[in-house]
């Protein structure tokens, strides 16, 4: 009903979560899972969900994802666990109590023998139960329940996907990347733009994100890396309303790839954010804009 658990040769040690971003805290939890699985002679299993649970429960909810479902699955699979299962979070599943989820899904369908619960993670209908209840349900369902170690770093007592979203929206790229353990990225489709950049010596690719729920960092000018056809290029990106050109209130995503002359219209490119250079500024003239873009380019060359 919820997942295909074929080819299971022995029971699993599992952890459950949405794992958006697969950030440092998630990676710490999964390393702990692998150790517990080894101790108990079990296979390691990560259980996640394709759709954000709140999107299923509330049609109007618009998640700002750090990772698309495909990105998340690929990242989780690279962490060396024995199996990753992506459940369909349905209204039917949302109605399951924590006990029913442990009994019907984890125990009966997935053969989970040990459940590693994230330090502050809650599950089940209305998330009304906590770790003491999970322990009790585990005794009833034959699942050993362990609470994971809390993960912290110097200067930050709590790491969460929401903390990273906030950092990205404020342009704190260095902080977000440190928590993610790798540069934040999104993939976009190159569409027709204003074609003004080429006239002033800074041709840009106008991007349309491939995934509508993917978070785009806050407005500003960024040093980025662009991946296209398995090659990586230095670039600078503007996210904003192009005030000097007076193009209205629509936010555009434009990237100028350094020392690059290929025609990439209607192709996909991946943008990795390295550092925020500055806020978007309205200049008094096109010449002032050009001089600033030259400085931005020098900064990118010196940085990456």
Protein backbone atom coordinates (compact mmCIF):
# COMPACT_ATOMS: atom_id res chain seq x y z
CA UNK A 1 0.00 0.00 0.00
CA UNK A 2 2.78 2.45 0.87
CA UNK A 3 6.00 0.95 -0.45
CA UNK A 4 7.55 -1.98 -2.23
CA UNK A 5 9.79 -3.80 0.21
CA UNK A 6 10.89 -6.70 -1.97
CA UNK A 7 14.22 -8.52 -1.85
CA UNK A 8 14.67 -7.96 1.89
CA UNK A 9 17.10 -10.55 3.22
CA UNK A 10 17.12 -9.43 6.84
CA UNK A 11 15.59 -6.74 8.97
CA UNK A 12 16.38 -3.05 8.84
CA UNK A 13 17.62 -0.35 11.14
CA UNK A 14 15.75 2.71 9.86
CA UNK A 15 15.35 6.42 10.25
CA UNK A 16 12.45 8.45 8.87
CA UNK A 17 12.26 12.04 7.69
CA UNK A 18 11.71 14.43 4.80
CA UNK A 19 15.46 15.22 4.68
CA UNK A 20 15.17 18.39 2.60
CA UNK A 21 18.67 19.56 1.68
CA UNK A 22 20.35 16.44 3.11
CA UNK A 23 22.27 18.86 5.32
CA UNK A 24 25.00 18.33 7.92
CA UNK A 25 22.49 17.32 10.60
CA UNK A 26 20.89 14.74 8.31
CA UNK A 27 24.30 13.35 7.38
CA UNK A 28 25.27 13.04 11.05
CA UNK A 29 22.01 11.16 11.73
CA UNK A 30 22.58 8.78 8.82
CA UNK A 31 26.15 8.05 9.93
CA UNK A 32 24.73 7.15 13.34
CA UNK A 33 22.14 4.94 11.63
CA UNK A 34 24.84 3.03 9.77
CA UNK A 35 26.74 2.44 13.03
CA UNK A 36 23.61 1.19 14.82
CA UNK A 37 22.77 -1.08 11.88
CA UNK A 38 26.27 -2.59 12.10
CA UNK A 39 26.02 -3.11 15.85
CA UNK A 40 22.72 -4.96 15.50
CA UNK A 41 23.60 -6.88 12.32
CA UNK A 42 20.85 -5.14 10.36
CA UNK A 43 20.67 -3.38 7.01
CA UNK A 44 20.48 0.40 7.07
CA UNK A 45 17.34 2.01 5.66
CA UNK A 46 16.40 5.66 5.11
CA UNK A 47 12.67 6.26 4.71
CA UNK A 48 11.66 9.54 3.13
CA UNK A 49 8.75 11.11 1.24
CA UNK A 50 8.49 12.45 -2.29
CA UNK A 51 6.04 15.25 -1.53
CA UNK A 52 6.28 17.62 1.42
CA UNK A 53 3.66 16.40 3.94
CA UNK A 54 2.24 19.91 4.33
CA UNK A 55 1.67 20.14 0.57
CA UNK A 56 -0.45 16.98 0.73
CA UNK A 57 -2.45 18.27 3.69
CA UNK A 58 -2.86 21.84 2.40
CA UNK A 59 -3.22 22.40 -1.34
CA UNK A 60 -2.28 26.06 -0.99
CA UNK A 61 1.02 25.34 0.76
CA UNK A 62 3.98 26.22 -1.48
CA UNK A 63 7.13 24.54 -0.18
CA UNK A 64 10.51 26.17 -0.81
CA UNK A 65 12.62 23.09 -1.37
CA UNK A 66 16.38 22.93 -0.89
CA UNK A 67 16.44 19.75 -2.96
CA UNK A 68 14.08 18.41 -5.60
CA UNK A 69 12.84 14.84 -5.04
CA UNK A 70 15.37 13.59 -7.60
CA UNK A 71 18.27 15.52 -6.04
CA UNK A 72 17.36 14.31 -2.57
CA UNK A 73 17.19 10.65 -3.58
CA UNK A 74 20.53 10.86 -5.37
CA UNK A 75 22.20 12.54 -2.38
CA UNK A 76 20.78 10.05 0.12
CA UNK A 77 21.87 7.10 -2.00
CA UNK A 78 25.42 8.47 -2.09
CA UNK A 79 25.67 8.34 1.71
CA UNK A 80 26.31 4.62 1.75
CA UNK A 81 23.11 3.25 3.27
CA UNK A 82 21.85 -0.15 2.16
CA UNK A 83 18.47 1.11 0.99
CA UNK A 84 16.52 4.34 0.51
CA UNK A 85 12.74 4.11 0.20
CA UNK A 86 10.59 7.01 -0.95
CA UNK A 87 7.03 6.72 0.35
CA UNK A 88 4.04 8.46 -1.14
CA UNK A 89 2.70 10.65 1.64
CA UNK A 90 -1.05 10.45 1.07
CA UNK A 91 -4.07 11.79 3.00
CA UNK A 92 -4.57 8.17 4.09
CA UNK A 93 -1.05 8.00 5.52
CA UNK A 94 -1.53 11.40 7.20
CA UNK A 95 -4.33 9.90 9.27
CA UNK A 96 -2.13 7.15 10.71
CA UNK A 97 -1.15 7.53 14.35
CA UNK A 98 2.50 7.08 15.26
CA UNK A 99 1.65 3.58 16.54
CA UNK A 100 -0.13 2.64 13.31
CA UNK A 101 2.72 3.99 11.18
CA UNK A 102 5.24 1.97 13.18
CA UNK A 103 3.09 -1.15 13.15
CA UNK A 104 1.60 -1.11 9.63
CA UNK A 105 4.36 0.53 7.62
CA UNK A 106 7.67 0.16 9.43
CA UNK A 107 7.20 -3.25 11.06
CA UNK A 108 4.84 -5.17 8.77
CA UNK A 109 5.75 -3.74 5.37
CA UNK A 110 9.38 -2.71 5.71
CA UNK A 111 10.59 -5.23 8.33
CA UNK A 112 12.13 -2.53 10.51
CA UNK A 113 13.66 -3.97 13.68
CA UNK A 114 15.32 -0.78 14.97
CA UNK A 115 14.13 2.81 14.60
CA UNK A 116 16.56 5.69 15.08
CA UNK A 117 14.49 8.79 15.82
CA UNK A 118 15.96 12.22 15.09
CA UNK A 119 16.59 14.28 18.23
CA UNK A 120 13.58 16.56 17.69
CA UNK A 121 11.69 14.58 15.05
CA UNK A 122 8.00 13.78 15.48
CA UNK A 123 5.73 11.72 13.26
CA UNK A 124 2.21 10.35 13.18
CA UNK A 125 -1.18 12.08 12.95
CA UNK A 126 -0.91 15.66 14.25
CA UNK A 127 2.59 14.75 15.55
CA UNK A 128 1.03 14.46 18.99
CA UNK A 129 3.36 11.79 20.42
CA UNK A 130 6.97 12.07 21.52
CA UNK A 131 9.94 9.83 22.20
CA UNK A 132 8.50 8.19 25.37
CA UNK A 133 5.44 7.12 23.36
CA UNK A 134 7.63 5.83 20.51
CA UNK A 135 9.55 3.68 23.00
CA UNK A 136 6.28 2.18 24.24
CA UNK A 137 4.98 1.58 20.71
CA UNK A 138 8.27 -0.06 19.84
CA UNK A 139 7.81 -2.60 22.62
CA UNK A 140 4.35 -3.39 21.25
CA UNK A 141 5.47 -3.70 17.62
CA UNK A 142 8.81 -5.41 18.10
CA UNK A 143 10.88 -2.37 17.10
CA UNK A 144 13.80 -1.21 19.24
CA UNK A 145 13.60 2.59 19.39
CA UNK A 146 16.70 4.75 19.91
CA UNK A 147 16.91 8.53 20.08
CA UNK A 148 19.66 10.01 17.93
CA UNK A 149 22.41 12.19 19.34
CA UNK A 150 21.75 15.91 19.01
CA UNK A 151 24.01 17.47 16.36
CA UNK A 152 25.42 20.94 16.88
CA UNK A 153 28.33 23.01 15.62
CA UNK A 154 30.23 25.86 17.30
CA UNK A 155 28.10 28.98 17.16
CA UNK A 156 24.97 27.14 16.10
CA UNK A 157 22.90 25.10 18.53
CA UNK A 158 20.34 23.92 16.01
CA UNK A 159 20.66 22.93 12.36
CA UNK A 160 17.51 22.61 10.30
CA UNK A 161 16.29 22.95 6.75
CA UNK A 162 14.35 26.05 7.78
CA UNK A 163 17.57 27.66 9.10
CA UNK A 164 19.21 27.06 5.73
CA UNK A 165 16.22 28.43 3.81
CA UNK A 166 16.36 31.59 5.91
CA UNK A 167 20.10 32.00 5.26
CA UNK A 168 19.63 31.62 1.50
CA UNK A 169 16.76 34.09 1.40
CA UNK A 170 18.96 36.62 3.22
CA UNK A 171 21.88 35.97 0.87
CA UNK A 172 24.05 34.33 3.53
CA UNK A 173 25.47 31.84 1.04
CA UNK A 174 28.60 30.97 3.01
CA UNK A 175 26.54 30.02 6.05
CA UNK A 176 24.02 28.00 4.03
CA UNK A 177 26.74 26.13 2.15
CA UNK A 178 28.54 25.28 5.38
CA UNK A 179 25.35 23.73 6.79
CA UNK A 180 24.58 21.93 3.53
CA UNK A 181 28.22 20.72 3.30
CA UNK A 182 28.26 21.66 -0.41
CA UNK A 183 27.27 24.66 -2.57
CA UNK A 184 23.56 25.32 -2.89
CA UNK A 185 22.46 24.76 -6.48
CA UNK A 186 19.52 24.81 -8.84
CA UNK A 187 19.04 23.76 -12.45
CA UNK A 188 17.47 26.14 -14.92
CA UNK A 189 16.35 26.19 -18.53
CA UNK A 190 17.84 28.99 -20.64
CA UNK A 191 15.04 31.10 -22.12
CA UNK A 192 14.91 34.25 -24.21
CA UNK A 193 15.68 37.34 -22.17
CA UNK A 194 16.03 41.09 -22.62
CA UNK A 195 19.26 40.77 -24.68
CA UNK A 196 20.61 43.98 -23.12
CA UNK A 197 23.64 42.31 -21.54
CA UNK A 198 25.20 41.45 -24.88
CA UNK A 199 24.98 45.10 -25.98
CA UNK A 200 26.99 46.25 -22.95
CA UNK A 201 29.60 43.50 -23.10
CA UNK A 202 28.08 41.18 -20.48
CA UNK A 203 25.83 38.68 -22.29
CA UNK A 204 23.59 36.79 -19.91
CA UNK A 205 21.57 33.60 -19.93
CA UNK A 206 18.06 34.18 -18.63
CA UNK A 207 16.99 31.21 -16.52
CA UNK A 208 13.71 29.54 -15.71
CA UNK A 209 14.05 27.07 -12.80
CA UNK A 210 13.15 23.52 -13.79
CA UNK A 211 11.41 22.75 -10.49
CA UNK A 212 8.68 25.21 -9.44
CA UNK A 213 9.11 24.50 -5.71
CA UNK A 214 12.88 25.00 -5.64
CA UNK A 215 14.03 27.88 -3.41
CA UNK A 216 15.83 30.73 -5.19
CA UNK A 217 18.18 32.81 -2.98
CA UNK A 218 17.34 36.41 -2.16
CA UNK A 219 17.87 39.23 -4.60
CA UNK A 220 21.44 40.32 -5.27
CA UNK A 221 24.57 39.63 -7.30
CA UNK A 222 26.35 36.34 -6.71
CA UNK A 223 29.59 34.59 -7.58
CA UNK A 224 28.54 31.22 -8.97
CA UNK A 225 29.77 28.18 -10.84
CA UNK A 226 27.86 27.01 -13.90
CA UNK A 227 27.84 23.38 -15.01
CA UNK A 228 27.02 22.67 -18.66
CA UNK A 229 27.78 19.52 -20.61
CA UNK A 230 30.00 18.16 -17.82
CA UNK A 231 32.16 21.27 -17.75
CA UNK A 232 32.32 23.94 -15.02
CA UNK A 233 32.63 27.68 -15.65
CA UNK A 234 33.04 30.71 -13.39
CA UNK A 235 30.11 33.08 -13.58
CA UNK A 236 28.24 35.88 -11.86
CA UNK A 237 24.50 35.92 -11.39
CA UNK A 238 21.93 38.62 -10.82
CA UNK A 239 18.67 37.82 -9.08
CA UNK A 240 16.39 40.82 -9.10
CA UNK A 241 14.34 43.37 -11.00
CA UNK A 242 17.11 45.03 -13.05
CA UNK A 243 16.30 48.52 -11.71
CA UNK A 244 18.81 50.35 -13.91
CA UNK A 245 16.97 49.00 -16.98
CA UNK A 246 13.58 49.82 -15.45
CA UNK A 247 12.09 46.48 -16.39
CA UNK A 248 9.26 46.56 -13.87
CA UNK A 249 8.68 44.38 -10.82
CA UNK A 250 9.21 40.91 -12.30
CA UNK A 251 12.19 39.11 -10.80
CA UNK A 252 14.66 37.77 -13.34
CA UNK A 253 17.46 35.23 -13.00
CA UNK A 254 20.40 36.12 -15.23
CA UNK A 255 23.83 34.58 -15.31
CA UNK A 256 26.92 35.89 -17.12
CA UNK A 257 29.39 33.07 -17.75
CA UNK A 258 32.99 34.26 -17.88
CA UNK A 259 34.99 33.64 -21.06
CA UNK A 260 32.12 31.76 -22.66
CA UNK A 261 30.68 32.13 -26.15
CA UNK A 262 28.57 28.99 -26.65
CA UNK A 263 24.92 29.16 -27.71
CA UNK A 264 23.01 27.63 -24.81
CA UNK A 265 19.46 28.83 -25.56
CA UNK A 266 16.84 26.21 -24.67
CA UNK A 267 19.36 24.09 -22.78
CA UNK A 268 19.71 23.18 -19.10
CA UNK A 269 22.48 24.53 -16.91
CA UNK A 270 23.20 24.02 -13.23
CA UNK A 271 24.10 27.02 -11.07
CA UNK A 272 26.08 26.56 -7.83
CA UNK A 273 26.12 29.52 -5.44
CA UNK A 274 29.52 30.34 -3.96
CA UNK A 275 29.24 33.83 -2.42
CA UNK A 276 27.02 36.91 -2.47
CA UNK A 277 28.92 39.83 -3.99
CA UNK A 278 26.52 42.68 -3.30
CA UNK A 279 22.91 43.83 -3.25
CA UNK A 280 21.20 44.83 -6.46
CA UNK A 281 21.65 48.58 -7.07
CA UNK A 282 19.98 51.11 -9.34
CA UNK A 283 22.72 53.04 -11.15
CA UNK A 284 22.37 56.53 -12.56
CA UNK A 285 23.65 55.44 -15.97
CA UNK A 286 24.47 52.40 -18.08
CA UNK A 287 28.15 53.37 -17.89
CA UNK A 288 28.09 53.16 -14.09
CA UNK A 289 26.48 49.73 -14.37
CA UNK A 290 29.19 48.57 -16.78
CA UNK A 291 31.97 49.76 -14.44
CA UNK A 292 30.36 47.90 -11.52
CA UNK A 293 29.98 44.73 -13.59
CA UNK A 294 33.70 44.89 -14.37
CA UNK A 295 34.43 45.09 -10.64
CA UNK A 296 32.04 42.16 -10.00
CA UNK A 297 33.86 40.12 -12.63
CA UNK A 298 37.24 40.89 -11.03
CA UNK A 299 35.86 39.75 -7.69
CA UNK A 300 34.63 36.45 -9.16
CA UNK A 301 38.01 35.82 -10.82
CA UNK A 302 39.79 36.45 -7.53
CA UNK A 303 37.39 34.29 -5.54
CA UNK A 304 36.91 31.16 -7.65
